[in-house]
Amino acid sequence: MPIINVIAAVDRNRAIGFQGDQLAYISQDLQRFKELTLEKTVIMGRRTNLALPKRKLPRRRNIVLTRGASFSADGVEVASSVDEVLRMIEGESEVFVIGGAQVYEAFLPLASRLYLTIIDFSFPSADAFFPPFDGWRSVSKSDVFTDPKSGLNFHYETFER
């Protein structure tokens, strides 16, 4: 089985989204996301896929986990269960789970590493949350950065089991 990584941007309350979209677009975080996931397989839910501007992330194998049997999108592979995704990724060394909340919850028990961008803000209107991740230990933590566009402070933190 490949190393299963989970990557997310969360606020102080583990919020990750509002009405099917991210809470904030921080260019430095988006660049880090790209660097970590490029040339890897990314696993996402249907709504996360629909929120992507081009419906797929280039230079990555895109797998969408959905209960919607009729779902399809160009350049995307579709799975209807976690077990089906696990069969699809056999032989790979490393994959990234990129959201949303239900997909994070399904894969968190199987994951080895969490790459979190922690935003020092509470988004009051958030309606999607990252699951609790008790029992994980922090193995690296960056300095605090400030996004020049939004003014949001954030840092990166990596957790392992």
C-alpha atoms as a PDB file:
ATOM      1  CA  MET A   1       0.000   0.000   0.000  1.00  0.00           C
ATOM      2  CA  PRO A   2       1.339   3.462  -0.816  1.00  0.00           C
ATOM      3  CA  ILE A   3       2.011   6.139   1.750  1.00  0.00           C
ATOM      4  CA  ILE A   4      -1.270   8.011   2.098  1.00  0.00           C
ATOM      5  CA  ASN A   5      -0.795  11.704   2.799  1.00  0.00           C
ATOM      6  CA  VAL A   6      -3.585  14.098   3.681  1.00  0.00           C
ATOM      7  CA  ILE A   7      -3.179  17.758   2.760  1.00  0.00           C
ATOM      8  CA  ALA A   8      -5.489  20.570   3.865  1.00  0.00           C
ATOM      9  CA  ALA A   9      -5.729  24.208   4.862  1.00  0.00           C
ATOM     10  CA  VAL A  10      -7.606  24.578   8.149  1.00  0.00           C
ATOM     11  CA  ASP A  11      -8.566  27.485  10.367  1.00  0.00           C
ATOM     12  CA  ARG A  12      -8.318  27.594  14.184  1.00  0.00           C
ATOM     13  CA  ASN A  13     -11.476  25.455  14.436  1.00  0.00           C
ATOM     14  CA  ARG A  14     -10.446  22.925  11.751  1.00  0.00           C
ATOM     15  CA  ALA A  15     -12.806  24.612   9.252  1.00  0.00           C
ATOM     16  CA  ILE A  16     -11.923  23.885   5.624  1.00  0.00           C
ATOM     17  CA  GLY A  17     -14.737  25.236   3.479  1.00  0.00           C
ATOM     18  CA  PHE A  18     -17.898  27.164   2.834  1.00  0.00           C
ATOM     19  CA  GLN A  19     -20.530  26.298   0.217  1.00  0.00           C
ATOM     20  CA  GLY A  20     -18.240  23.900  -1.638  1.00  0.00           C
ATOM     21  CA  ASP A  21     -15.196  26.152  -1.827  1.00  0.00           C
ATOM     22  CA  GLN A  22     -12.051  26.823   0.168  1.00  0.00           C
ATOM     23  CA  LEU A  23     -12.173  29.428   2.901  1.00  0.00           C
ATOM     24  CA  ALA A  24      -9.141  31.335   1.642  1.00  0.00           C
ATOM     25  CA  TYR A  25      -6.848  31.337  -1.360  1.00  0.00           C
ATOM     26  CA  ILE A  26      -3.319  31.929  -0.133  1.00  0.00           C
ATOM     27  CA  SER A  27      -0.889  31.936  -3.056  1.00  0.00           C
ATOM     28  CA  GLN A  28       2.057  30.650  -1.015  1.00  0.00           C
ATOM     29  CA  ASP A  29      -0.087  27.754   0.229  1.00  0.00           C
ATOM     30  CA  LEU A  30      -1.291  26.970  -3.302  1.00  0.00           C
ATOM     31  CA  GLN A  31       2.330  26.885  -4.479  1.00  0.00           C
ATOM     32  CA  ARG A  32       3.279  24.491  -1.665  1.00  0.00           C
ATOM     33  CA  PHE A  33       0.287  22.296  -2.515  1.00  0.00           C
ATOM     34  CA  LYS A  34       1.436  22.141  -6.117  1.00  0.00           C
ATOM     35  CA  GLU A  35       5.038  21.311  -5.170  1.00  0.00           C
ATOM     36  CA  LEU A  36       3.961  18.494  -2.863  1.00  0.00           C
ATOM     37  CA  THR A  37       1.372  16.906  -5.177  1.00  0.00           C
ATOM     38  CA  LEU A  38       2.907  17.356  -8.640  1.00  0.00           C
ATOM     39  CA  GLU A  39       3.414  14.042 -10.476  1.00  0.00           C
ATOM     40  CA  LYS A  40       1.493  12.223  -7.716  1.00  0.00           C
ATOM     41  CA  THR A  41      -2.005  10.791  -7.473  1.00  0.00           C
ATOM     42  CA  VAL A  42      -4.571  13.058  -5.819  1.00  0.00           C
ATOM     43  CA  ILE A  43      -7.778  11.678  -4.330  1.00  0.00           C
ATOM     44  CA  MET A  44     -10.770  13.961  -3.895  1.00  0.00           C
ATOM     45  CA  GLY A  45     -14.516  14.025  -3.569  1.00  0.00           C
ATOM     46  CA  ARG A  46     -16.913  15.113  -6.282  1.00  0.00           C
ATOM     47  CA  ARG A  47     -17.516  18.587  -4.833  1.00  0.00           C
ATOM     48  CA  THR A  48     -13.783  19.224  -4.505  1.00  0.00           C
ATOM     49  CA  ASN A  49     -13.398  18.211  -8.141  1.00  0.00           C
ATOM     50  CA  LEU A  50     -16.207  20.527  -9.211  1.00  0.00           C
ATOM     51  CA  ALA A  51     -14.548  23.426  -7.359  1.00  0.00           C
ATOM     52  CA  LEU A  52     -11.363  23.064  -9.447  1.00  0.00           C
ATOM     53  CA  PRO A  53     -11.182  25.640 -12.243  1.00  0.00           C
ATOM     54  CA  LYS A  54     -10.332  23.012 -14.891  1.00  0.00           C
ATOM     55  CA  ARG A  55     -12.043  20.064 -13.132  1.00  0.00           C
ATOM     56  CA  LYS A  56      -8.672  18.292 -12.863  1.00  0.00           C
ATOM     57  CA  LEU A  57      -5.235  19.075 -11.563  1.00  0.00           C
ATOM     58  CA  PRO A  58      -2.644  18.942 -14.338  1.00  0.00           C
ATOM     59  CA  ARG A  59       0.397  16.672 -14.102  1.00  0.00           C
ATOM     60  CA  ARG A  60      -1.319  14.552 -11.455  1.00  0.00           C
ATOM     61  CA  ARG A  61      -3.427  11.424 -11.593  1.00  0.00           C
ATOM     62  CA  ASN A  62      -6.883  12.574 -10.436  1.00  0.00           C
ATOM     63  CA  ILE A  63      -9.195  10.099  -8.685  1.00  0.00           C
ATOM     64  CA  VAL A  64     -12.660  11.248  -7.618  1.00  0.00           C
ATOM     65  CA  LEU A  65     -14.428   9.291  -4.904  1.00  0.00           C
ATOM     66  CA  THR A  66     -18.203   9.666  -5.248  1.00  0.00           C
ATOM     67  CA  ARG A  67     -21.412   7.768  -4.615  1.00  0.00           C
ATOM     68  CA  GLY A  68     -22.827   9.310  -7.796  1.00  0.00           C
ATOM     69  CA  ALA A  69     -22.624   6.443 -10.291  1.00  0.00           C
ATOM     70  CA  SER A  70     -23.226   8.747 -13.249  1.00  0.00           C
ATOM     71  CA  PHE A  71     -20.407  11.194 -12.401  1.00  0.00           C
ATOM     72  CA  SER A  72     -17.695  11.644 -15.003  1.00  0.00           C
ATOM     73  CA  ALA A  73     -15.167  14.324 -15.889  1.00  0.00           C
ATOM     74  CA  ASP A  74     -12.446  14.541 -18.517  1.00  0.00           C
ATOM     75  CA  GLY A  75      -9.061  13.350 -17.324  1.00  0.00           C
ATOM     76  CA  VAL A  76     -10.435  12.009 -14.048  1.00  0.00           C
ATOM     77  CA  GLU A  77     -10.819   8.449 -12.806  1.00  0.00           C
ATOM     78  CA  VAL A  78     -13.904   7.726 -10.714  1.00  0.00           C
ATOM     79  CA  ALA A  79     -14.256   5.352  -7.766  1.00  0.00           C
ATOM     80  CA  SER A  80     -17.346   4.566  -5.723  1.00  0.00           C
ATOM     81  CA  SER A  81     -15.673   3.327  -2.526  1.00  0.00           C
ATOM     82  CA  VAL A  82     -12.510   3.626  -0.469  1.00  0.00           C
ATOM     83  CA  ASP A  83     -11.746  -0.025  -1.266  1.00  0.00           C
ATOM     84  CA  GLU A  84     -11.984   0.731  -4.984  1.00  0.00           C
ATOM     85  CA  VAL A  85      -9.576   3.671  -4.578  1.00  0.00           C
ATOM     86  CA  LEU A  86      -7.167   1.422  -2.667  1.00  0.00           C
ATOM     87  CA  ARG A  87      -7.215  -1.093  -5.538  1.00  0.00           C
ATOM     88  CA  MET A  88      -6.597   1.736  -8.033  1.00  0.00           C
ATOM     89  CA  ILE A  89      -3.517   3.022  -6.177  1.00  0.00           C
ATOM     90  CA  GLU A  90      -1.851  -0.369  -5.643  1.00  0.00           C
ATOM     91  CA  GLY A  91       1.791  -0.170  -6.687  1.00  0.00           C
ATOM     92  CA  GLU A  92       2.110   3.570  -6.160  1.00  0.00           C
ATOM     93  CA  SER A  93       4.607   4.862  -3.613  1.00  0.00           C
ATOM     94  CA  GLU A  94       2.737   7.927  -2.367  1.00  0.00           C
ATOM     95  CA  VAL A  95      -0.678   9.563  -2.844  1.00  0.00           C
ATOM     96  CA  PHE A  96      -2.390  12.712  -1.533  1.00  0.00           C
ATOM     97  CA  VAL A  97      -5.935  13.033  -0.254  1.00  0.00           C
ATOM     98  CA  ILE A  98      -7.021  16.609  -0.995  1.00  0.00           C
ATOM     99  CA  GLY A  99     -10.605  16.823   0.281  1.00  0.00           C
ATOM    100  CA  GLY A 100     -13.369  17.402   1.064  1.00  0.00           C
ATOM    101  CA  ALA A 101     -14.519  16.698   4.574  1.00  0.00           C
ATOM    102  CA  GLN A 102     -16.087  13.268   3.939  1.00  0.00           C
ATOM    103  CA  VAL A 103     -13.080  12.073   1.950  1.00  0.00           C
ATOM    104  CA  TYR A 104     -10.723  13.288   4.665  1.00  0.00           C
ATOM    105  CA  GLU A 105     -12.765  11.411   7.244  1.00  0.00           C
ATOM    106  CA  ALA A 106     -12.726   8.219   5.156  1.00  0.00           C
ATOM    107  CA  PHE A 107      -8.966   8.250   4.567  1.00  0.00           C
ATOM    108  CA  LEU A 108      -7.652   9.671   7.848  1.00  0.00           C
ATOM    109  CA  PRO A 109      -7.526   6.217   9.513  1.00  0.00           C
ATOM    110  CA  LEU A 110      -5.364   4.981   6.603  1.00  0.00           C
ATOM    111  CA  ALA A 111      -3.065   7.997   6.393  1.00  0.00           C
ATOM    112  CA  SER A 112       0.543   8.163   7.562  1.00  0.00           C
ATOM    113  CA  ARG A 113       1.123  11.900   7.279  1.00  0.00           C
ATOM    114  CA  LEU A 114      -0.858  15.145   7.471  1.00  0.00           C
ATOM    115  CA  TYR A 115       0.356  18.284   5.704  1.00  0.00           C
ATOM    116  CA  LEU A 116      -1.675  21.096   7.212  1.00  0.00           C
ATOM    117  CA  THR A 117      -1.671  24.797   6.528  1.00  0.00           C
ATOM    118  CA  ILE A 118      -3.026  26.284   9.724  1.00  0.00           C
ATOM    119  CA  ILE A 119      -4.654  29.678   9.254  1.00  0.00           C
ATOM    120  CA  ASP A 120      -4.666  31.846  12.367  1.00  0.00           C
ATOM    121  CA  PHE A 121      -8.274  32.937  11.927  1.00  0.00           C
ATOM    122  CA  SER A 122     -11.759  31.582  12.624  1.00  0.00           C
ATOM    123  CA  PHE A 123     -14.123  31.706   9.657  1.00  0.00           C
ATOM    124  CA  PRO A 124     -17.583  32.106  11.231  1.00  0.00           C
ATOM    125  CA  SER A 125     -19.513  31.038   8.132  1.00  0.00           C
ATOM    126  CA  ALA A 126     -17.599  27.779   7.554  1.00  0.00           C
ATOM    127  CA  ASP A 127     -19.755  24.733   6.892  1.00  0.00           C
ATOM    128  CA  ALA A 128     -17.124  22.021   6.270  1.00  0.00           C
ATOM    129  CA  PHE A 129     -14.580  20.820   8.808  1.00  0.00           C
ATOM    130  CA  PHE A 130     -11.482  18.660   8.915  1.00  0.00           C
ATOM    131  CA  PRO A 131     -12.001  15.646  11.193  1.00  0.00           C
ATOM    132  CA  PRO A 132     -10.352  15.509  14.627  1.00  0.00           C
ATOM    133  CA  PHE A 133      -6.859  14.037  14.426  1.00  0.00           C
ATOM    134  CA  ASP A 134      -6.041  13.083  17.990  1.00  0.00           C
ATOM    135  CA  GLY A 135      -3.035  10.847  18.467  1.00  0.00           C
ATOM    136  CA  TRP A 136      -0.942  12.421  15.726  1.00  0.00           C
ATOM    137  CA  ARG A 137       2.378  14.064  16.586  1.00  0.00           C
ATOM    138  CA  SER A 138       3.783  17.208  15.054  1.00  0.00           C
ATOM    139  CA  VAL A 139       7.087  16.474  13.291  1.00  0.00           C
ATOM    140  CA  SER A 140       7.702  19.879  11.719  1.00  0.00           C
ATOM    141  CA  LYS A 141       6.345  23.382  12.016  1.00  0.00           C
ATOM    142  CA  SER A 142       7.224  26.387   9.894  1.00  0.00           C
ATOM    143  CA  ASP A 143       7.588  30.005  10.842  1.00  0.00           C
ATOM    144  CA  VAL A 144       4.449  32.142  10.658  1.00  0.00           C
ATOM    145  CA  PHE A 145       3.809  33.794   7.293  1.00  0.00           C
ATOM    146  CA  THR A 146       1.407  36.576   6.311  1.00  0.00           C
ATOM    147  CA  ASP A 147      -0.484  36.421   3.036  1.00  0.00           C
ATOM    148  CA  PRO A 148      -0.020  39.817   1.335  1.00  0.00           C
ATOM    149  CA  LYS A 149      -3.468  39.770  -0.323  1.00  0.00           C
ATOM    150  CA  SER A 150      -5.680  38.707   2.568  1.00  0.00           C
ATOM    151  CA  GLY A 151      -3.493  39.661   5.523  1.00  0.00           C
ATOM    152  CA  LEU A 152      -4.082  36.205   7.016  1.00  0.00           C
ATOM    153  CA  ASN A 153      -1.341  34.711   9.175  1.00  0.00           C
ATOM    154  CA  PHE A 154      -0.627  31.018   8.691  1.00  0.00           C
ATOM    155  CA  HIS A 155       1.972  28.333   9.195  1.00  0.00           C
ATOM    156  CA  TYR A 156       2.650  24.843   7.880  1.00  0.00           C
ATOM    157  CA  GLU A 157       2.669  21.875  10.194  1.00  0.00           C
ATOM    158  CA  THR A 158       3.322  18.234   9.380  1.00  0.00           C
ATOM    159  CA  PHE A 159       1.967  15.443  11.565  1.00  0.00           C
ATOM    160  CA  GLU A 160       2.696  11.725  11.628  1.00  0.00           C
ATOM    161  CA  ARG A 161       1.187   8.806  13.513  1.00  0.00           C
END
